[in-house]
Protein backbone atom coordinates (compact mmCIF):
# COMPACT_ATOMS: atom_id res chain seq x y z
CA GLY A 1 23.13 -44.16 13.38
CA LEU A 2 22.94 -40.74 11.82
CA ALA A 3 22.88 -40.49 8.05
CA GLN A 4 25.98 -38.88 6.66
CA ALA A 5 25.41 -35.64 4.75
CA PRO A 6 26.44 -35.79 1.08
CA VAL A 7 29.66 -34.00 0.16
CA TYR A 8 29.97 -32.26 -3.21
CA ARG A 9 33.50 -31.69 -4.45
CA ARG A 10 32.97 -30.57 -8.06
CA ALA A 11 31.55 -27.11 -7.36
CA PRO A 12 31.38 -24.69 -4.45
CA LEU A 13 28.74 -25.73 -1.95
CA SER A 14 26.89 -22.46 -2.41
CA ARG A 15 26.18 -23.41 -6.02
CA PHE A 16 24.17 -26.51 -5.07
CA VAL A 17 21.30 -27.28 -2.75
CA LEU A 18 19.30 -30.37 -1.96
CA SER A 19 15.73 -30.36 -3.19
CA GLN A 20 12.96 -31.57 -0.90
CA ARG A 21 13.37 -35.02 -2.48
CA GLY A 22 17.06 -35.13 -1.55
CA SER A 23 18.50 -34.84 -5.05
CA ARG A 24 21.21 -32.32 -5.89
CA CYS A 25 20.36 -29.38 -8.11
CA SER A 26 21.70 -25.90 -8.77
CA VAL A 27 20.32 -22.87 -6.99
CA ALA A 28 19.05 -21.57 -10.35
CA THR A 29 17.24 -24.86 -11.03
CA MET A 30 15.79 -24.89 -7.53
CA ALA A 31 14.45 -21.38 -8.02
CA ALA A 32 12.86 -22.31 -11.33
CA VAL A 33 11.37 -25.59 -10.10
CA GLU A 34 10.32 -24.77 -6.56
CA PRO A 35 9.44 -21.09 -6.15
CA LYS A 36 9.04 -19.95 -2.56
CA VAL A 37 7.26 -17.10 -0.82
CA PHE A 38 9.34 -14.61 1.17
CA ALA A 39 8.05 -11.91 3.51
CA PHE A 40 9.96 -8.88 4.76
CA VAL A 41 8.54 -6.95 7.72
CA PHE A 42 10.31 -3.72 8.63
CA PRO A 43 9.67 -0.59 10.68
CA MET A 44 9.90 2.74 8.86
CA ALA A 45 13.67 2.84 9.02
CA SER A 46 15.62 3.11 5.77
CA GLY A 47 18.69 1.52 7.35
CA HIS A 48 16.64 -1.64 7.83
CA ILE A 49 14.67 -1.63 4.58
CA ASN A 50 17.18 -0.45 1.97
CA PRO A 51 19.72 -3.29 2.43
CA SER A 52 16.94 -5.81 1.73
CA PHE A 53 16.12 -4.46 -1.74
CA PRO A 54 18.92 -6.24 -3.67
CA ILE A 55 17.92 -9.50 -1.97
CA ALA A 56 14.24 -8.99 -2.80
CA ARG A 57 15.10 -8.05 -6.38
CA SER A 58 17.19 -11.19 -6.81
CA LEU A 59 14.52 -13.43 -5.27
CA ALA A 60 11.80 -11.93 -7.49
CA ALA A 61 13.99 -12.25 -10.59
CA SER A 62 14.49 -15.93 -9.70
CA GLY A 63 10.75 -16.53 -9.75
CA HIS A 64 10.02 -16.33 -6.04
CA ARG A 65 7.10 -14.35 -4.66
CA VAL A 66 8.31 -11.57 -2.37
CA HIS A 67 6.10 -9.53 -0.03
CA TYR A 68 6.80 -6.52 2.18
CA LEU A 69 4.76 -5.28 5.13
CA CYS A 70 5.67 -1.63 5.54
CA ARG A 71 4.47 1.97 5.26
CA GLU A 72 3.00 3.65 2.20
CA GLN A 73 6.10 5.89 1.91
CA MET A 74 8.12 2.82 0.85
CA ARG A 75 5.61 1.44 -1.70
CA GLU A 76 7.40 2.67 -4.85
CA ALA A 77 10.84 1.43 -3.76
CA ILE A 78 9.40 -1.94 -2.70
CA GLU A 79 7.41 -2.45 -5.89
CA ASP A 80 10.51 -1.48 -7.92
CA THR A 81 12.16 -4.69 -6.66
CA GLY A 82 9.35 -6.81 -8.10
CA ALA A 83 7.90 -7.42 -4.64
CA THR A 84 4.31 -6.96 -3.53
CA PHE A 85 3.66 -4.13 -1.08
CA HIS A 86 1.27 -4.54 1.87
CA SER A 87 0.35 -1.52 4.00
CA GLU A 88 0.98 -2.17 7.69
CA THR A 89 -1.78 0.25 8.68
CA GLU A 90 -4.27 -1.75 6.60
CA VAL A 91 -3.00 -5.21 7.58
CA GLU A 92 -2.70 -4.30 11.27
CA SER A 93 -5.88 -2.23 11.32
CA GLU A 94 -6.69 -3.32 14.89
CA LEU A 95 -3.62 -1.45 16.08
CA TYR A 96 -4.03 1.66 13.93
CA ASP A 97 -7.81 2.24 13.56
CA GLY A 98 -8.64 5.39 15.52
CA ARG A 99 -5.02 5.83 16.56
CA GLU A 100 -2.11 7.83 15.27
CA PRO A 101 -0.62 6.10 12.22
CA ASP A 102 2.93 5.53 13.48
CA ILE A 103 4.04 3.00 16.08
CA PHE A 104 4.96 5.68 18.63
CA GLY A 105 1.68 7.50 18.08
CA ALA A 106 -0.26 4.25 18.38
CA THR A 107 1.65 3.45 21.58
CA ALA A 108 0.91 6.93 22.98
CA THR A 109 -2.78 6.42 22.21
CA LEU A 110 -2.73 3.00 23.90
CA LYS A 111 -1.00 4.65 26.87
CA ARG A 112 -3.95 7.04 27.24
CA GLU A 113 -6.54 4.30 26.58
CA LEU A 114 -5.06 2.12 29.32
CA GLY A 115 -4.60 4.92 31.87
CA LEU A 116 -0.82 4.72 31.82
CA GLU A 117 -0.16 8.45 31.33
CA SER A 118 2.08 8.65 34.42
CA GLU A 119 4.31 5.80 33.19
CA SER A 120 7.52 6.35 31.24
CA ILE A 121 7.43 5.42 27.56
CA VAL A 122 9.85 2.55 28.26
CA ASN A 123 7.51 1.06 30.88
CA VAL A 124 4.53 1.55 28.60
CA LEU A 125 6.30 -0.20 25.72
CA PHE A 126 6.93 -3.21 27.95
CA LYS A 127 3.39 -3.22 29.31
CA VAL A 128 1.61 -2.92 25.96
CA ARG A 129 3.87 -5.09 23.81
CA ASN A 130 1.70 -8.19 24.28
CA ILE A 131 -1.42 -6.18 23.52
CA GLN A 132 0.21 -4.88 20.35
CA ARG A 133 1.22 -8.42 19.34
CA GLU A 134 -2.36 -9.59 19.75
CA MET A 135 -3.71 -6.67 17.77
């Protein structure tokens, strides 16, 4: 049959986790013993990025490695959390080399490159999304 999950009654469940070996330890101990790598990937939209900063700051303070893939404009705020900044235009150079440096500009350039000028932007986004994923 299925193994029954352990039940902890002495402390709130959120205070304990199971390590990879199955033993119980506190979240603080887990962070100190088994640091993880976290990656945040956001468009240039402060409503998406800003709420992640307290999480990134907490993860970094707990000894985890935190990385962001974003635009240069957000570098200072990202690095202030203790995270490592990675420029999306450098990492995704296949998409941005020779094209306008924002996603809409890059899409407009792809639209011209692929002869889709007569298509609506919505149709173009659907048609080039797989190309952009591969780039």
